[in-house]
Amino acid sequence: MYAIPHLETKAEVLNVLEQIKLTQNKQAIDWVNDKSKKWVLAGISRAFTLMPIKTWNFIRFDTNVSESAYENVNRDGISLSLLGAIYR
């Protein structure tokens, strides 16, 4: 599952998805069925993406940036006036 973003061919990705289905684990099978859509695969696999591989390789595969931005909003406050935000 975690190898999918790093696999280089569509065949490798589809093979991993089939191997996951063979586990007979309902949650894993549901996950595979959800991720098997073309537009989802394009977002999780460089073999299916339409973006240049150089761009794909620069993308972070975690949510650290988003989470830190959210934390900063909570630290600085929300619904501040423009002047209040400047002083913060």
C-alpha atoms as a PDB file:
ATOM      1  CA  MET A   1       0.000   0.000   0.000  1.00  0.00           C
ATOM      2  CA  TYR A   2       2.735   2.451   0.992  1.00  0.00           C
ATOM      3  CA  ALA A   3       4.830   1.526  -2.055  1.00  0.00           C
ATOM      4  CA  ILE A   4       2.195   2.647  -4.573  1.00  0.00           C
ATOM      5  CA  PRO A   5       3.419   6.261  -4.917  1.00  0.00           C
ATOM      6  CA  HIS A   6       6.907   4.985  -5.727  1.00  0.00           C
ATOM      7  CA  LEU A   7       6.070   2.231  -8.240  1.00  0.00           C
ATOM      8  CA  GLU A   8       7.074   3.086 -11.787  1.00  0.00           C
ATOM      9  CA  THR A   9       4.621   1.177 -13.986  1.00  0.00           C
ATOM     10  CA  LYS A  10       0.867   0.816 -14.110  1.00  0.00           C
ATOM     11  CA  ALA A  11       1.257  -2.971 -14.094  1.00  0.00           C
ATOM     12  CA  GLU A  12       3.178  -2.829 -10.794  1.00  0.00           C
ATOM     13  CA  VAL A  13       0.481  -0.652  -9.203  1.00  0.00           C
ATOM     14  CA  LEU A  14      -2.354  -2.860 -10.430  1.00  0.00           C
ATOM     15  CA  ASN A  15      -0.481  -5.944  -9.198  1.00  0.00           C
ATOM     16  CA  VAL A  16      -0.157  -4.449  -5.698  1.00  0.00           C
ATOM     17  CA  LEU A  17      -3.857  -3.585  -5.680  1.00  0.00           C
ATOM     18  CA  GLU A  18      -4.725  -7.165  -6.671  1.00  0.00           C
ATOM     19  CA  GLN A  19      -2.424  -8.528  -3.948  1.00  0.00           C
ATOM     20  CA  ILE A  20      -4.220  -6.368  -1.391  1.00  0.00           C
ATOM     21  CA  LYS A  21      -7.582  -7.741  -2.576  1.00  0.00           C
ATOM     22  CA  LEU A  22      -6.294 -11.305  -2.045  1.00  0.00           C
ATOM     23  CA  THR A  23      -5.956 -10.642   1.686  1.00  0.00           C
ATOM     24  CA  GLN A  24      -9.745 -11.067   1.988  1.00  0.00           C
ATOM     25  CA  ASN A  25      -9.725  -8.178   4.461  1.00  0.00           C
ATOM     26  CA  LYS A  26     -12.949  -6.227   3.900  1.00  0.00           C
ATOM     27  CA  GLN A  27     -11.426  -2.876   4.870  1.00  0.00           C
ATOM     28  CA  ALA A  28      -8.459  -3.434   2.551  1.00  0.00           C
ATOM     29  CA  ILE A  29     -10.752  -4.461  -0.309  1.00  0.00           C
ATOM     30  CA  ASP A  30     -12.912  -1.379   0.271  1.00  0.00           C
ATOM     31  CA  TRP A  31      -9.759   0.755   0.220  1.00  0.00           C
ATOM     32  CA  VAL A  32      -8.652  -0.785  -3.100  1.00  0.00           C
ATOM     33  CA  ASN A  33     -12.098  -0.288  -4.625  1.00  0.00           C
ATOM     34  CA  ASP A  34     -12.069   3.352  -3.543  1.00  0.00           C
ATOM     35  CA  LYS A  35      -8.546   4.001  -4.859  1.00  0.00           C
ATOM     36  CA  SER A  36      -9.002   2.136  -8.165  1.00  0.00           C
ATOM     37  CA  LYS A  37     -10.698   5.076  -9.869  1.00  0.00           C
ATOM     38  CA  LYS A  38      -8.522   6.675 -12.585  1.00  0.00           C
ATOM     39  CA  TRP A  39      -8.573  10.135 -11.031  1.00  0.00           C
ATOM     40  CA  VAL A  40      -7.642   8.775  -7.590  1.00  0.00           C
ATOM     41  CA  LEU A  41      -4.830   6.633  -8.988  1.00  0.00           C
ATOM     42  CA  ALA A  42      -3.482   9.718 -10.762  1.00  0.00           C
ATOM     43  CA  GLY A  43      -3.171  11.382  -7.371  1.00  0.00           C
ATOM     44  CA  ILE A  44      -1.447   8.519  -5.568  1.00  0.00           C
ATOM     45  CA  SER A  45       0.709   6.918  -8.264  1.00  0.00           C
ATOM     46  CA  ARG A  46       3.341   8.457 -10.489  1.00  0.00           C
ATOM     47  CA  ALA A  47       2.614   5.686 -13.022  1.00  0.00           C
ATOM     48  CA  PHE A  48      -0.916   7.052 -13.497  1.00  0.00           C
ATOM     49  CA  THR A  49      -0.298  10.776 -13.101  1.00  0.00           C
ATOM     50  CA  LEU A  50      -0.272  13.125 -16.063  1.00  0.00           C
ATOM     51  CA  MET A  51       2.146  15.566 -14.452  1.00  0.00           C
ATOM     52  CA  PRO A  52       5.843  15.504 -15.310  1.00  0.00           C
ATOM     53  CA  ILE A  53       7.837  13.070 -13.167  1.00  0.00           C
ATOM     54  CA  LYS A  54      10.159  15.876 -12.002  1.00  0.00           C
ATOM     55  CA  THR A  55       7.150  17.705 -10.569  1.00  0.00           C
ATOM     56  CA  TRP A  56       5.802  14.495  -8.997  1.00  0.00           C
ATOM     57  CA  ASN A  57       9.127  13.893  -7.274  1.00  0.00           C
ATOM     58  CA  PHE A  58       9.042  17.329  -5.605  1.00  0.00           C
ATOM     59  CA  ILE A  59       5.618  16.752  -4.022  1.00  0.00           C
ATOM     60  CA  ARG A  60       5.562  16.013  -0.301  1.00  0.00           C
ATOM     61  CA  PHE A  61       3.693  12.869   0.684  1.00  0.00           C
ATOM     62  CA  ASP A  62       2.681  14.089   4.114  1.00  0.00           C
ATOM     63  CA  THR A  63       0.381  16.744   5.520  1.00  0.00           C
ATOM     64  CA  ASN A  64       2.969  18.586   7.615  1.00  0.00           C
ATOM     65  CA  VAL A  65       2.644  21.865   5.709  1.00  0.00           C
ATOM     66  CA  SER A  66      -1.151  21.872   5.953  1.00  0.00           C
ATOM     67  CA  GLU A  67      -1.115  20.916   9.604  1.00  0.00           C
ATOM     68  CA  SER A  68       1.401  23.597  10.522  1.00  0.00           C
ATOM     69  CA  ALA A  69      -0.619  26.231   8.642  1.00  0.00           C
ATOM     70  CA  TYR A  70      -3.723  25.198  10.588  1.00  0.00           C
ATOM     71  CA  GLU A  71      -1.815  25.369  13.867  1.00  0.00           C
ATOM     72  CA  ASN A  72      -0.608  28.871  13.019  1.00  0.00           C
ATOM     73  CA  VAL A  73      -4.184  30.042  12.427  1.00  0.00           C
ATOM     74  CA  ASN A  74      -5.191  28.798  15.860  1.00  0.00           C
ATOM     75  CA  ARG A  75      -2.183  30.406  17.505  1.00  0.00           C
ATOM     76  CA  ASP A  76      -2.693  33.770  15.841  1.00  0.00           C
ATOM     77  CA  GLY A  77      -6.460  33.793  16.168  1.00  0.00           C
ATOM     78  CA  ILE A  78      -9.360  33.742  13.772  1.00  0.00           C
ATOM     79  CA  SER A  79     -11.839  36.412  12.719  1.00  0.00           C
ATOM     80  CA  LEU A  80      -9.331  39.154  13.504  1.00  0.00           C
ATOM     81  CA  SER A  81      -9.721  42.597  12.070  1.00  0.00           C
ATOM     82  CA  LEU A  82      -7.083  43.659   9.570  1.00  0.00           C
ATOM     83  CA  LEU A  83      -5.415  45.865  12.158  1.00  0.00           C
ATOM     84  CA  GLY A  84      -5.590  43.123  14.788  1.00  0.00           C
ATOM     85  CA  ALA A  85      -4.010  40.637  12.371  1.00  0.00           C
ATOM     86  CA  ILE A  86      -1.212  43.118  11.607  1.00  0.00           C
ATOM     87  CA  TYR A  87      -0.451  43.563  15.305  1.00  0.00           C
ATOM     88  CA  ARG A  88      -0.453  39.817  15.848  1.00  0.00           C
END
